[in-house]
Structures are given as structure tokens and as C-alpha cells.
Amino acid sequence: MKRLKGIAFALVLPWSQNLLVAIITAASVSLIVGRPKLVAILLIFLFTLKLAPVILAVCWLCEQLLNTKWLLDKLQ
């Protein structure tokens, strides 16, 4: 069933499957591990270099999200 969702997601969006996998992997692993810079370095070695800017951008956005969440927890 998960495979069908991934295929449907890839068919709906007009981007390449490699780009979608890079974005989803970078975002999910960054948020799970909590160290987006480390995840960006590791994923650049796993994916092609032309996807490096996308991976860096996604990991940077995840880092901003994690920092914002940390600030919101401190304020409460």
C-alpha cells in the first residue's frame, strides 16, 4: 500500500522521482535526527551532486523549523 502512495505522489507532481525522494528523505531524516547539517552532508554523498542545492535548502528549512519549535517551547 505504501508503494502505491509513493507512485501516486510521483505521478501527481511533475518533478522527477529523484528530486521527490531527495526532498522527502532530507526533510524526514532531518526532523527525526534533529541535526539537519549532519543529515545534509550525509545525503549529499548518497544522492547526485545536482540535487545538493535542494538537499541543502530542505535541511536549512528543517533547521529553521526546529529552532522555531525550540523557541516556542521556551516561551510556554
Protein backbone atom coordinates (compact mmCIF):
# COMPACT_ATOMS: atom_id res chain seq x y z
CA MET A 1 0.00 0.00 0.00
CA LYS A 2 2.87 2.39 0.78
CA ARG A 3 4.33 1.72 -2.63
CA LEU A 4 1.08 2.80 -4.30
CA LYS A 5 1.03 6.06 -2.35
CA GLY A 6 4.58 6.83 -3.42
CA ILE A 7 3.80 6.09 -7.05
CA ALA A 8 0.66 8.24 -6.91
CA PHE A 9 2.62 11.08 -5.31
CA ALA A 10 5.27 10.84 -8.04
CA LEU A 11 2.66 10.82 -10.80
CA VAL A 12 0.76 13.84 -9.46
CA LEU A 13 3.79 16.12 -9.18
CA PRO A 14 5.59 16.98 -12.43
CA TRP A 15 9.10 16.71 -10.91
CA SER A 16 11.47 13.81 -11.29
CA GLN A 17 11.28 10.92 -8.86
CA ASN A 18 14.87 11.53 -7.73
CA LEU A 19 14.00 15.07 -6.69
CA LEU A 20 10.94 13.93 -4.76
CA VAL A 21 12.89 11.21 -2.97
CA ALA A 22 15.65 13.69 -2.08
CA ILE A 23 13.17 16.22 -0.66
CA ILE A 24 11.16 13.71 1.35
CA THR A 25 14.25 11.92 2.65
CA ALA A 26 16.04 15.12 3.63
CA ALA A 27 13.01 16.53 5.43
CA SER A 28 12.06 13.38 7.29
CA VAL A 29 15.57 12.41 8.37
CA SER A 30 16.40 15.98 9.41
CA LEU A 31 13.38 16.20 11.65
CA ILE A 32 13.81 12.70 13.07
CA VAL A 33 17.54 13.00 13.80
CA GLY A 34 17.38 16.66 14.78
CA ARG A 35 20.75 17.53 13.18
CA PRO A 36 19.96 18.94 9.72
CA LYS A 37 23.56 19.97 8.92
CA LEU A 38 24.85 16.46 9.52
CA VAL A 39 21.98 14.97 7.52
CA ALA A 40 22.67 17.35 4.62
CA ILE A 41 26.31 16.29 4.45
CA LEU A 42 25.43 12.60 4.54
CA LEU A 43 22.67 12.86 1.96
CA ILE A 44 24.86 14.78 -0.47
CA PHE A 45 27.13 11.74 -0.52
CA LEU A 46 24.15 9.46 -1.21
CA PHE A 47 22.42 11.47 -3.95
CA THR A 48 23.84 13.04 -7.10
CA LEU A 49 25.58 16.39 -6.80
CA LYS A 50 22.97 18.17 -8.90
CA LEU A 51 20.49 17.55 -6.05
CA ALA A 52 22.84 19.09 -3.47
CA PRO A 53 21.25 22.59 -3.55
CA VAL A 54 17.80 21.08 -3.00
CA ILE A 55 19.04 18.94 -0.10
CA LEU A 56 20.78 21.92 1.50
CA ALA A 57 17.68 24.08 1.13
CA VAL A 58 15.37 21.46 2.65
CA CYS A 59 17.74 20.81 5.55
CA TRP A 60 18.08 24.55 6.16
CA LEU A 61 14.29 24.90 6.27
CA CYS A 62 14.08 21.99 8.69
CA GLU A 63 16.71 23.61 10.88
CA GLN A 64 14.67 26.81 10.95
CA LEU A 65 11.61 24.78 11.88
CA LEU A 66 13.45 23.03 14.69
CA ASN A 67 14.78 26.34 16.02
CA THR A 68 11.33 27.90 15.94
CA LYS A 69 9.83 24.92 17.75
CA TRP A 70 12.56 25.21 20.40
CA LEU A 71 11.79 28.91 20.89
CA LEU A 72 8.07 28.23 21.17
CA ASP A 73 8.69 25.56 23.82
CA LYS A 74 10.84 28.01 25.82
CA LEU A 75 8.10 30.66 25.75
CA GLN A 76 5.44 28.32 27.13
